[in-house]
Amino acid sequence: MSPTGKKSWCLYLIECRNGSYYAGITNDLEARYAAHVDGKGARYTRANPPLRLIGYRTFPDRSSASRAEFAIKRLPRAAKISFLLTADS
């Protein structure tokens, strides 16, 4: 949690068992990833179960996390991991 008591949002990237990547946003990464693993997450990860969490990047609010999710989904596969590591995308 942030000093103001609000949870920060994060963009996360999952590698699925079929080799594809899934990107999403959440304000509780542990619970959201567990939901994907348990088959209770997004429709895509129910059909293509997660293999591992590749990484995540935090944002101060849902709006900026949503913009980042939109941006990462438009990138080619090879650029997605780099996007998580850059501070000003």
PDB file of N, CA and C in Angstrom:
ATOM      1  N   MET A   1       0.817  -1.185   0.000  1.00  0.00           N
ATOM      2  CA  MET A   1       0.000   0.000   0.000  1.00  0.00           C
ATOM      3  C   MET A   1       0.860   1.248   0.000  1.00  0.00           C
ATOM      4  N   SER A   2       0.324   2.280  -0.549  1.00  0.00           N
ATOM      5  CA  SER A   2       1.048   3.544  -0.575  1.00  0.00           C
ATOM      6  C   SER A   2       0.897   4.243   0.772  1.00  0.00           C
ATOM      7  N   PRO A   3       1.687   5.292   1.033  1.00  0.00           N
ATOM      8  CA  PRO A   3       1.609   6.007   2.306  1.00  0.00           C
ATOM      9  C   PRO A   3       0.231   6.607   2.583  1.00  0.00           C
ATOM     10  N   THR A   4      -0.554   6.875   1.551  1.00  0.00           N
ATOM     11  CA  THR A   4      -1.884   7.450   1.744  1.00  0.00           C
ATOM     12  C   THR A   4      -2.931   6.391   2.080  1.00  0.00           C
ATOM     13  N   GLY A   5      -2.534   5.127   2.087  1.00  0.00           N
ATOM     14  CA  GLY A   5      -3.461   4.056   2.408  1.00  0.00           C
ATOM     15  C   GLY A   5      -4.149   3.463   1.188  1.00  0.00           C
ATOM     16  N   LYS A   6      -3.954   4.048   0.016  1.00  0.00           N
ATOM     17  CA  LYS A   6      -4.551   3.529  -1.206  1.00  0.00           C
ATOM     18  C   LYS A   6      -3.631   2.466  -1.804  1.00  0.00           C
ATOM     19  N   LYS A   7      -4.226   1.442  -2.362  1.00  0.00           N
ATOM     20  CA  LYS A   7      -3.437   0.425  -3.049  1.00  0.00           C
ATOM     21  C   LYS A   7      -3.020   0.972  -4.402  1.00  0.00           C
ATOM     22  N   SER A   8      -1.798   0.681  -4.788  1.00  0.00           N
ATOM     23  CA  SER A   8      -1.370   1.059  -6.135  1.00  0.00           C
ATOM     24  C   SER A   8      -1.862  -0.016  -7.106  1.00  0.00           C
ATOM     25  N   TRP A   9      -1.913   0.339  -8.355  1.00  0.00           N
ATOM     26  CA  TRP A   9      -2.322  -0.588  -9.407  1.00  0.00           C
ATOM     27  C   TRP A   9      -1.087  -1.103 -10.123  1.00  0.00           C
ATOM     28  N   CYS A  10      -1.199  -2.266 -10.708  1.00  0.00           N
ATOM     29  CA  CYS A  10      -0.066  -2.763 -11.469  1.00  0.00           C
ATOM     30  C   CYS A  10      -0.522  -3.423 -12.766  1.00  0.00           C
ATOM     31  N   LEU A  11       0.355  -3.350 -13.715  1.00  0.00           N
ATOM     32  CA  LEU A  11       0.233  -4.038 -14.989  1.00  0.00           C
ATOM     33  C   LEU A  11       1.077  -5.296 -14.837  1.00  0.00           C
ATOM     34  N   TYR A  12       0.534  -6.441 -15.193  1.00  0.00           N
ATOM     35  CA  TYR A  12       1.290  -7.687 -15.068  1.00  0.00           C
ATOM     36  C   TYR A  12       1.278  -8.438 -16.393  1.00  0.00           C
ATOM     37  N   LEU A  13       2.274  -9.286 -16.561  1.00  0.00           N
ATOM     38  CA  LEU A  13       2.409 -10.081 -17.771  1.00  0.00           C
ATOM     39  C   LEU A  13       2.607 -11.538 -17.374  1.00  0.00           C
ATOM     40  N   ILE A  14       1.769 -12.392 -17.909  1.00  0.00           N
ATOM     41  CA  ILE A  14       1.795 -13.827 -17.629  1.00  0.00           C
ATOM     42  C   ILE A  14       2.169 -14.578 -18.901  1.00  0.00           C
ATOM     43  N   GLU A  15       3.005 -15.588 -18.761  1.00  0.00           N
ATOM     44  CA  GLU A  15       3.248 -16.504 -19.869  1.00  0.00           C
ATOM     45  C   GLU A  15       2.311 -17.686 -19.689  1.00  0.00           C
ATOM     46  N   CYS A  16       1.561 -18.002 -20.725  1.00  0.00           N
ATOM     47  CA  CYS A  16       0.610 -19.106 -20.670  1.00  0.00           C
ATOM     48  C   CYS A  16       1.252 -20.388 -21.181  1.00  0.00           C
ATOM     49  N   ARG A  17       0.636 -21.507 -20.855  1.00  0.00           N
ATOM     50  CA  ARG A  17       1.196 -22.815 -21.233  1.00  0.00           C
ATOM     51  C   ARG A  17       1.315 -23.002 -22.736  1.00  0.00           C
ATOM     52  N   ASN A  18       0.509 -22.275 -23.514  1.00  0.00           N
ATOM     53  CA  ASN A  18       0.598 -22.385 -24.969  1.00  0.00           C
ATOM     54  C   ASN A  18       1.687 -21.479 -25.545  1.00  0.00           C
ATOM     55  N   GLY A  19       2.442 -20.777 -24.661  1.00  0.00           N
ATOM     56  CA  GLY A  19       3.527 -19.915 -25.101  1.00  0.00           C
ATOM     57  C   GLY A  19       3.134 -18.464 -25.315  1.00  0.00           C
ATOM     58  N   SER A  20       1.849 -18.154 -25.231  1.00  0.00           N
ATOM     59  CA  SER A  20       1.393 -16.780 -25.427  1.00  0.00           C
ATOM     60  C   SER A  20       1.578 -15.970 -24.148  1.00  0.00           C
ATOM     61  N   TYR A  21       1.463 -14.656 -24.287  1.00  0.00           N
ATOM     62  CA  TYR A  21       1.510 -13.754 -23.144  1.00  0.00           C
ATOM     63  C   TYR A  21       0.113 -13.200 -22.884  1.00  0.00           C
ATOM     64  N   TYR A  22      -0.192 -13.001 -21.619  1.00  0.00           N
ATOM     65  CA  TYR A  22      -1.446 -12.363 -21.227  1.00  0.00           C
ATOM     66  C   TYR A  22      -1.096 -11.168 -20.344  1.00  0.00           C
ATOM     67  N   ALA A  23      -1.635 -10.003 -20.664  1.00  0.00           N
ATOM     68  CA  ALA A  23      -1.408  -8.796 -19.867  1.00  0.00           C
ATOM     69  C   ALA A  23      -2.718  -8.378 -19.221  1.00  0.00           C
ATOM     70  N   GLY A  24      -2.620  -7.911 -17.979  1.00  0.00           N
ATOM     71  CA  GLY A  24      -3.795  -7.430 -17.278  1.00  0.00           C
ATOM     72  C   GLY A  24      -3.385  -6.424 -16.224  1.00  0.00           C
ATOM     73  N   ILE A  25      -4.390  -5.835 -15.564  1.00  0.00           N
ATOM     74  CA  ILE A  25      -4.123  -4.903 -14.468  1.00  0.00           C
ATOM     75  C   ILE A  25      -4.880  -5.355 -13.230  1.00  0.00           C
ATOM     76  N   THR A  26      -4.368  -4.966 -12.079  1.00  0.00           N
ATOM     77  CA  THR A  26      -5.006  -5.307 -10.809  1.00  0.00           C
ATOM     78  C   THR A  26      -4.457  -4.420  -9.700  1.00  0.00           C
ATOM     79  N   ASN A  27      -5.171  -4.385  -8.590  1.00  0.00           N
ATOM     80  CA  ASN A  27      -4.642  -3.708  -7.406  1.00  0.00           C
ATOM     81  C   ASN A  27      -4.296  -4.716  -6.317  1.00  0.00           C
ATOM     82  N   ASP A  28      -4.363  -6.012  -6.644  1.00  0.00           N
ATOM     83  CA  ASP A  28      -3.955  -7.086  -5.736  1.00  0.00           C
ATOM     84  C   ASP A  28      -3.363  -8.218  -6.579  1.00  0.00           C
ATOM     85  N   LEU A  29      -2.094  -8.109  -6.871  1.00  0.00           N
ATOM     86  CA  LEU A  29      -1.443  -9.033  -7.805  1.00  0.00           C
ATOM     87  C   LEU A  29      -1.475 -10.477  -7.326  1.00  0.00           C
ATOM     88  N   GLU A  30      -1.200 -10.712  -6.056  1.00  0.00           N
ATOM     89  CA  GLU A  30      -1.203 -12.092  -5.546  1.00  0.00           C
ATOM     90  C   GLU A  30      -2.554 -12.762  -5.749  1.00  0.00           C
ATOM     91  N   ALA A  31      -3.617 -12.065  -5.377  1.00  0.00           N
ATOM     92  CA  ALA A  31      -4.964 -12.635  -5.501  1.00  0.00           C
ATOM     93  C   ALA A  31      -5.347 -12.819  -6.961  1.00  0.00           C
ATOM     94  N   ARG A  32      -4.991 -11.872  -7.805  1.00  0.00           N
ATOM     95  CA  ARG A  32      -5.353 -11.962  -9.218  1.00  0.00           C
ATOM     96  C   ARG A  32      -4.616 -13.112  -9.896  1.00  0.00           C
ATOM     97  N   TYR A  33      -3.322 -13.265  -9.605  1.00  0.00           N
ATOM     98  CA  TYR A  33      -2.571 -14.363 -10.206  1.00  0.00           C
ATOM     99  C   TYR A  33      -3.117 -15.704  -9.707  1.00  0.00           C
ATOM    100  N   ALA A  34      -3.440 -15.783  -8.430  1.00  0.00           N
ATOM    101  CA  ALA A  34      -4.022 -17.020  -7.882  1.00  0.00           C
ATOM    102  C   ALA A  34      -5.331 -17.353  -8.585  1.00  0.00           C
ATOM    103  N   ALA A  35      -6.133 -16.339  -8.880  1.00  0.00           N
ATOM    104  CA  ALA A  35      -7.393 -16.565  -9.602  1.00  0.00           C
ATOM    105  C   ALA A  35      -7.121 -17.128 -10.999  1.00  0.00           C
ATOM    106  N   HIS A  36      -6.114 -16.601 -11.676  1.00  0.00           N
ATOM    107  CA  HIS A  36      -5.757 -17.136 -12.999  1.00  0.00           C
ATOM    108  C   HIS A  36      -5.324 -18.593 -12.880  1.00  0.00           C
ATOM    109  N   VAL A  37      -4.484 -18.899 -11.912  1.00  0.00           N
ATOM    110  CA  VAL A  37      -3.981 -20.268 -11.720  1.00  0.00           C
ATOM    111  C   VAL A  37      -5.122 -21.231 -11.393  1.00  0.00           C
ATOM    112  N   ASP A  38      -6.088 -20.761 -10.587  1.00  0.00           N
ATOM    113  CA  ASP A  38      -7.218 -21.603 -10.188  1.00  0.00           C
ATOM    114  C   ASP A  38      -8.297 -21.723 -11.255  1.00  0.00           C
ATOM    115  N   GLY A  39      -8.094 -21.064 -12.408  1.00  0.00           N
ATOM    116  CA  GLY A  39      -9.090 -21.124 -13.475  1.00  0.00           C
ATOM    117  C   GLY A  39     -10.272 -20.208 -13.239  1.00  0.00           C
ATOM    118  N   LYS A  40     -10.101 -19.211 -12.368  1.00  0.00           N
ATOM    119  CA  LYS A  40     -11.184 -18.284 -12.052  1.00  0.00           C
ATOM    120  C   LYS A  40     -10.875 -16.863 -12.519  1.00  0.00           C
ATOM    121  N   GLY A  41      -9.831 -16.724 -13.321  1.00  0.00           N
ATOM    122  CA  GLY A  41      -9.432 -15.410 -13.806  1.00  0.00           C
ATOM    123  C   GLY A  41     -10.133 -15.080 -15.113  1.00  0.00           C
ATOM    124  N   ALA A  42      -9.419 -14.450 -15.995  1.00  0.00           N
ATOM    125  CA  ALA A  42      -9.949 -14.044 -17.294  1.00  0.00           C
ATOM    126  C   ALA A  42     -10.294 -15.265 -18.148  1.00  0.00           C
ATOM    127  N   ARG A  43     -11.208 -15.078 -19.051  1.00  0.00           N
ATOM    128  CA  ARG A  43     -11.605 -16.161 -19.953  1.00  0.00           C
ATOM    129  C   ARG A  43     -10.388 -16.706 -20.712  1.00  0.00           C
ATOM    130  N   TYR A  44      -9.498 -15.806 -21.128  1.00  0.00           N
ATOM    131  CA  TYR A  44      -8.322 -16.239 -21.884  1.00  0.00           C
ATOM    132  C   TYR A  44      -7.446 -17.183 -21.066  1.00  0.00           C
ATOM    133  N   THR A  45      -7.216 -16.870 -19.788  1.00  0.00           N
ATOM    134  CA  THR A  45      -6.343 -17.731 -18.987  1.00  0.00           C
ATOM    135  C   THR A  45      -7.065 -18.984 -18.491  1.00  0.00           C
ATOM    136  N   ARG A  46      -8.386 -19.000 -18.568  1.00  0.00           N
ATOM    137  CA  ARG A  46      -9.092 -20.255 -18.282  1.00  0.00           C
ATOM    138  C   ARG A  46      -8.856 -21.238 -19.424  1.00  0.00           C
ATOM    139  N   ALA A  47      -8.815 -20.724 -20.643  1.00  0.00           N
ATOM    140  CA  ALA A  47      -8.584 -21.568 -21.817  1.00  0.00           C
ATOM    141  C   ALA A  47      -7.100 -21.850 -22.033  1.00  0.00           C
ATOM    142  N   ASN A  48      -6.244 -20.927 -21.579  1.00  0.00           N
ATOM    143  CA  ASN A  48      -4.795 -21.044 -21.751  1.00  0.00           C
ATOM    144  C   ASN A  48      -4.143 -20.816 -20.383  1.00  0.00           C
ATOM    145  N   PRO A  49      -4.089 -21.844 -19.552  1.00  0.00           N
ATOM    146  CA  PRO A  49      -3.627 -21.676 -18.169  1.00  0.00           C
ATOM    147  C   PRO A  49      -2.236 -21.050 -18.059  1.00  0.00           C
ATOM    148  N   PRO A  50      -2.035 -20.283 -16.980  1.00  0.00           N
ATOM    149  CA  PRO A  50      -0.739 -19.627 -16.783  1.00  0.00           C
ATOM    150  C   PRO A  50       0.371 -20.618 -16.465  1.00  0.00           C
ATOM    151  N   LEU A  51       1.536 -20.305 -16.992  1.00  0.00           N
ATOM    152  CA  LEU A  51       2.738 -21.069 -16.700  1.00  0.00           C
ATOM    153  C   LEU A  51       3.544 -20.351 -15.622  1.00  0.00           C
ATOM    154  N   ARG A  52       3.686 -19.020 -15.797  1.00  0.00           N
ATOM    155  CA  ARG A  52       4.434 -18.234 -14.814  1.00  0.00           C
ATOM    156  C   ARG A  52       4.106 -16.755 -14.968  1.00  0.00           C
ATOM    157  N   LEU A  53       4.331 -16.028 -13.894  1.00  0.00           N
ATOM    158  CA  LEU A  53       4.227 -14.577 -13.916  1.00  0.00           C
ATOM    159  C   LEU A  53       5.574 -14.051 -14.385  1.00  0.00           C
ATOM    160  N   ILE A  54       5.583 -13.363 -15.505  1.00  0.00           N
ATOM    161  CA  ILE A  54       6.834 -12.849 -16.065  1.00  0.00           C
ATOM    162  C   ILE A  54       7.297 -11.621 -15.295  1.00  0.00           C
ATOM    163  N   GLY A  55       6.379 -10.729 -14.997  1.00  0.00           N
ATOM    164  CA  GLY A  55       6.746  -9.517 -14.276  1.00  0.00           C
ATOM    165  C   GLY A  55       5.576  -8.567 -14.156  1.00  0.00           C
ATOM    166  N   TYR A  56       5.846  -7.454 -13.506  1.00  0.00           N
ATOM    167  CA  TYR A  56       4.803  -6.450 -13.322  1.00  0.00           C
ATOM    168  C   TYR A  56       5.447  -5.078 -13.186  1.00  0.00           C
ATOM    169  N   ARG A  57       4.606  -4.071 -13.294  1.00  0.00           N
ATOM    170  CA  ARG A  57       5.041  -2.684 -13.135  1.00  0.00           C
ATOM    171  C   ARG A  57       3.923  -1.922 -12.425  1.00  0.00           C
ATOM    172  N   THR A  58       4.264  -1.141 -11.428  1.00  0.00           N
ATOM    173  CA  THR A  58       3.245  -0.453 -10.638  1.00  0.00           C
ATOM    174  C   THR A  58       2.923   0.925 -11.211  1.00  0.00           C
ATOM    175  N   PHE A  59       1.697   1.365 -10.920  1.00  0.00           N
ATOM    176  CA  PHE A  59       1.184   2.659 -11.347  1.00  0.00           C
ATOM    177  C   PHE A  59       0.398   3.268 -10.196  1.00  0.00           C
ATOM    178  N   PRO A  60       0.316   4.588 -10.142  1.00  0.00           N
ATOM    179  CA  PRO A  60      -0.345   5.235  -9.009  1.00  0.00           C
ATOM    180  C   PRO A  60      -1.868   5.110  -9.004  1.00  0.00           C
ATOM    181  N   ASP A  61      -2.458   4.842 -10.171  1.00  0.00           N
ATOM    182  CA  ASP A  61      -3.923   4.768 -10.225  1.00  0.00           C
ATOM    183  C   ASP A  61      -4.376   3.844 -11.350  1.00  0.00           C
ATOM    184  N   ARG A  62      -5.654   3.527 -11.332  1.00  0.00           N
ATOM    185  CA  ARG A  62      -6.209   2.599 -12.321  1.00  0.00           C
ATOM    186  C   ARG A  62      -6.122   3.160 -13.742  1.00  0.00           C
ATOM    187  N   SER A  63      -6.333   4.441 -13.875  1.00  0.00           N
ATOM    188  CA  SER A  63      -6.316   5.066 -15.189  1.00  0.00           C
ATOM    189  C   SER A  63      -4.965   4.891 -15.884  1.00  0.00           C
ATOM    190  N   SER A  64      -3.892   5.169 -15.184  1.00  0.00           N
ATOM    191  CA  SER A  64      -2.566   5.030 -15.799  1.00  0.00           C
ATOM    192  C   SER A  64      -2.237   3.562 -16.047  1.00  0.00           C
ATOM    193  N   ALA A  65      -2.685   2.661 -15.185  1.00  0.00           N
ATOM    194  CA  ALA A  65      -2.472   1.229 -15.415  1.00  0.00           C
ATOM    195  C   ALA A  65      -3.247   0.761 -16.647  1.00  0.00           C
ATOM    196  N   SER A  66      -4.454   1.268 -16.834  1.00  0.00           N
ATOM    197  CA  SER A  66      -5.254   0.906 -18.011  1.00  0.00           C
ATOM    198  C   SER A  66      -4.615   1.400 -19.297  1.00  0.00           C
ATOM    199  N   ARG A  67      -4.079   2.608 -19.267  1.00  0.00           N
ATOM    200  CA  ARG A  67      -3.383   3.129 -20.448  1.00  0.00           C
ATOM    201  C   ARG A  67      -2.161   2.270 -20.778  1.00  0.00           C
ATOM    202  N   ALA A  68      -1.435   1.845 -19.752  1.00  0.00           N
ATOM    203  CA  ALA A  68      -0.262   0.996 -19.968  1.00  0.00           C
ATOM    204  C   ALA A  68      -0.676  -0.375 -20.508  1.00  0.00           C
ATOM    205  N   GLU A  69      -1.790  -0.905 -20.023  1.00  0.00           N
ATOM    206  CA  GLU A  69      -2.280  -2.190 -20.522  1.00  0.00           C
ATOM    207  C   GLU A  69      -2.621  -2.077 -22.007  1.00  0.00           C
ATOM    208  N   PHE A  70      -3.285  -1.014 -22.380  1.00  0.00           N
ATOM    209  CA  PHE A  70      -3.613  -0.792 -23.788  1.00  0.00           C
ATOM    210  C   PHE A  70      -2.337  -0.726 -24.624  1.00  0.00           C
ATOM    211  N   ALA A  71      -1.348  -0.014 -24.111  1.00  0.00           N
ATOM    212  CA  ALA A  71      -0.083   0.150 -24.843  1.00  0.00           C
ATOM    213  C   ALA A  71       0.662  -1.174 -24.997  1.00  0.00           C
ATOM    214  N   ILE A  72       0.746  -1.955 -23.927  1.00  0.00           N
ATOM    215  CA  ILE A  72       1.517  -3.207 -23.997  1.00  0.00           C
ATOM    216  C   ILE A  72       0.844  -4.219 -24.919  1.00  0.00           C
ATOM    217  N   LYS A  73      -0.471  -4.194 -24.977  1.00  0.00           N
ATOM    218  CA  LYS A  73      -1.185  -5.134 -25.843  1.00  0.00           C
ATOM    219  C   LYS A  73      -0.982  -4.824 -27.326  1.00  0.00           C
ATOM    220  N   ARG A  74      -0.573  -3.614 -27.642  1.00  0.00           N
ATOM    221  CA  ARG A  74      -0.333  -3.232 -29.028  1.00  0.00           C
ATOM    222  C   ARG A  74       1.104  -3.508 -29.469  1.00  0.00           C
ATOM    223  N   LEU A  75       1.959  -3.850 -28.528  1.00  0.00           N
ATOM    224  CA  LEU A  75       3.377  -4.083 -28.838  1.00  0.00           C
ATOM    225  C   LEU A  75       3.606  -5.485 -29.390  1.00  0.00           C
ATOM    226  N   PRO A  76       4.660  -5.649 -30.196  1.00  0.00           N
ATOM    227  CA  PRO A  76       5.040  -7.003 -30.608  1.00  0.00           C
ATOM    228  C   PRO A  76       5.539  -7.791 -29.389  1.00  0.00           C
ATOM    229  N   ARG A  77       5.430  -9.069 -29.453  1.00  0.00           N
ATOM    230  CA  ARG A  77       5.808  -9.947 -28.333  1.00  0.00           C
ATOM    231  C   ARG A  77       7.193  -9.628 -27.772  1.00  0.00           C
ATOM    232  N   ALA A  78       8.152  -9.428 -28.641  1.00  0.00           N
ATOM    233  CA  ALA A  78       9.535  -9.192 -28.209  1.00  0.00           C
ATOM    234  C   ALA A  78       9.692  -7.915 -27.386  1.00  0.00           C
ATOM    235  N   ALA A  79       8.797  -6.974 -27.515  1.00  0.00           N
ATOM    236  CA  ALA A  79       8.915  -5.693 -26.817  1.00  0.00           C
ATOM    237  C   ALA A  79       8.148  -5.646 -25.493  1.00  0.00           C
ATOM    238  N   LYS A  80       7.322  -6.634 -25.230  1.00  0.00           N
ATOM    239  CA  LYS A  80       6.460  -6.587 -24.038  1.00  0.00           C
ATOM    240  C   LYS A  80       7.246  -6.609 -22.724  1.00  0.00           C
ATOM    241  N   ILE A  81       8.250  -7.446 -22.610  1.00  0.00           N
ATOM    242  CA  ILE A  81       9.030  -7.524 -21.370  1.00  0.00           C
ATOM    243  C   ILE A  81       9.807  -6.231 -21.163  1.00  0.00           C
ATOM    244  N   SER A  82      10.372  -5.691 -22.207  1.00  0.00           N
ATOM    245  CA  SER A  82      11.093  -4.409 -22.102  1.00  0.00           C
ATOM    246  C   SER A  82      10.165  -3.312 -21.615  1.00  0.00           C
ATOM    247  N   PHE A  83       8.917  -3.338 -22.042  1.00  0.00           N
ATOM    248  CA  PHE A  83       7.941  -2.329 -21.625  1.00  0.00           C
ATOM    249  C   PHE A  83       7.766  -2.333 -20.111  1.00  0.00           C
ATOM    250  N   LEU A  84       7.765  -3.525 -19.519  1.00  0.00           N
ATOM    251  CA  LEU A  84       7.614  -3.621 -18.060  1.00  0.00           C
ATOM    252  C   LEU A  84       8.798  -2.987 -17.324  1.00  0.00           C
ATOM    253  N   LEU A  85       9.957  -3.001 -17.955  1.00  0.00           N
ATOM    254  CA  LEU A  85      11.165  -2.523 -17.295  1.00  0.00           C
ATOM    255  C   LEU A  85      11.413  -1.032 -17.467  1.00  0.00           C
ATOM    256  N   THR A  86      10.737  -0.392 -18.400  1.00  0.00           N
ATOM    257  CA  THR A  86      10.957   1.035 -18.625  1.00  0.00           C
ATOM    258  C   THR A  86      10.101   1.856 -17.681  1.00  0.00           C
ATOM    259  N   ALA A  87      10.640   2.945 -17.207  1.00  0.00           N
ATOM    260  CA  ALA A  87       9.939   3.739 -16.208  1.00  0.00           C
ATOM    261  C   ALA A  87       8.992   4.779 -16.784  1.00  0.00           C
ATOM    262  N   ASP A  88       9.107   5.114 -18.057  1.00  0.00           N
ATOM    263  CA  ASP A  88       8.276   6.203 -18.571  1.00  0.00           C
ATOM    264  C   ASP A  88       7.573   5.864 -19.869  1.00  0.00           C
ATOM    265  N   SER A  89       7.061   4.648 -19.995  1.00  0.00           N
ATOM    266  CA  SER A  89       6.330   4.266 -21.203  1.00  0.00           C
ATOM    267  C   SER A  89       4.913   4.748 -21.137  1.00  0.00           C
TER     268      SER A  89
END
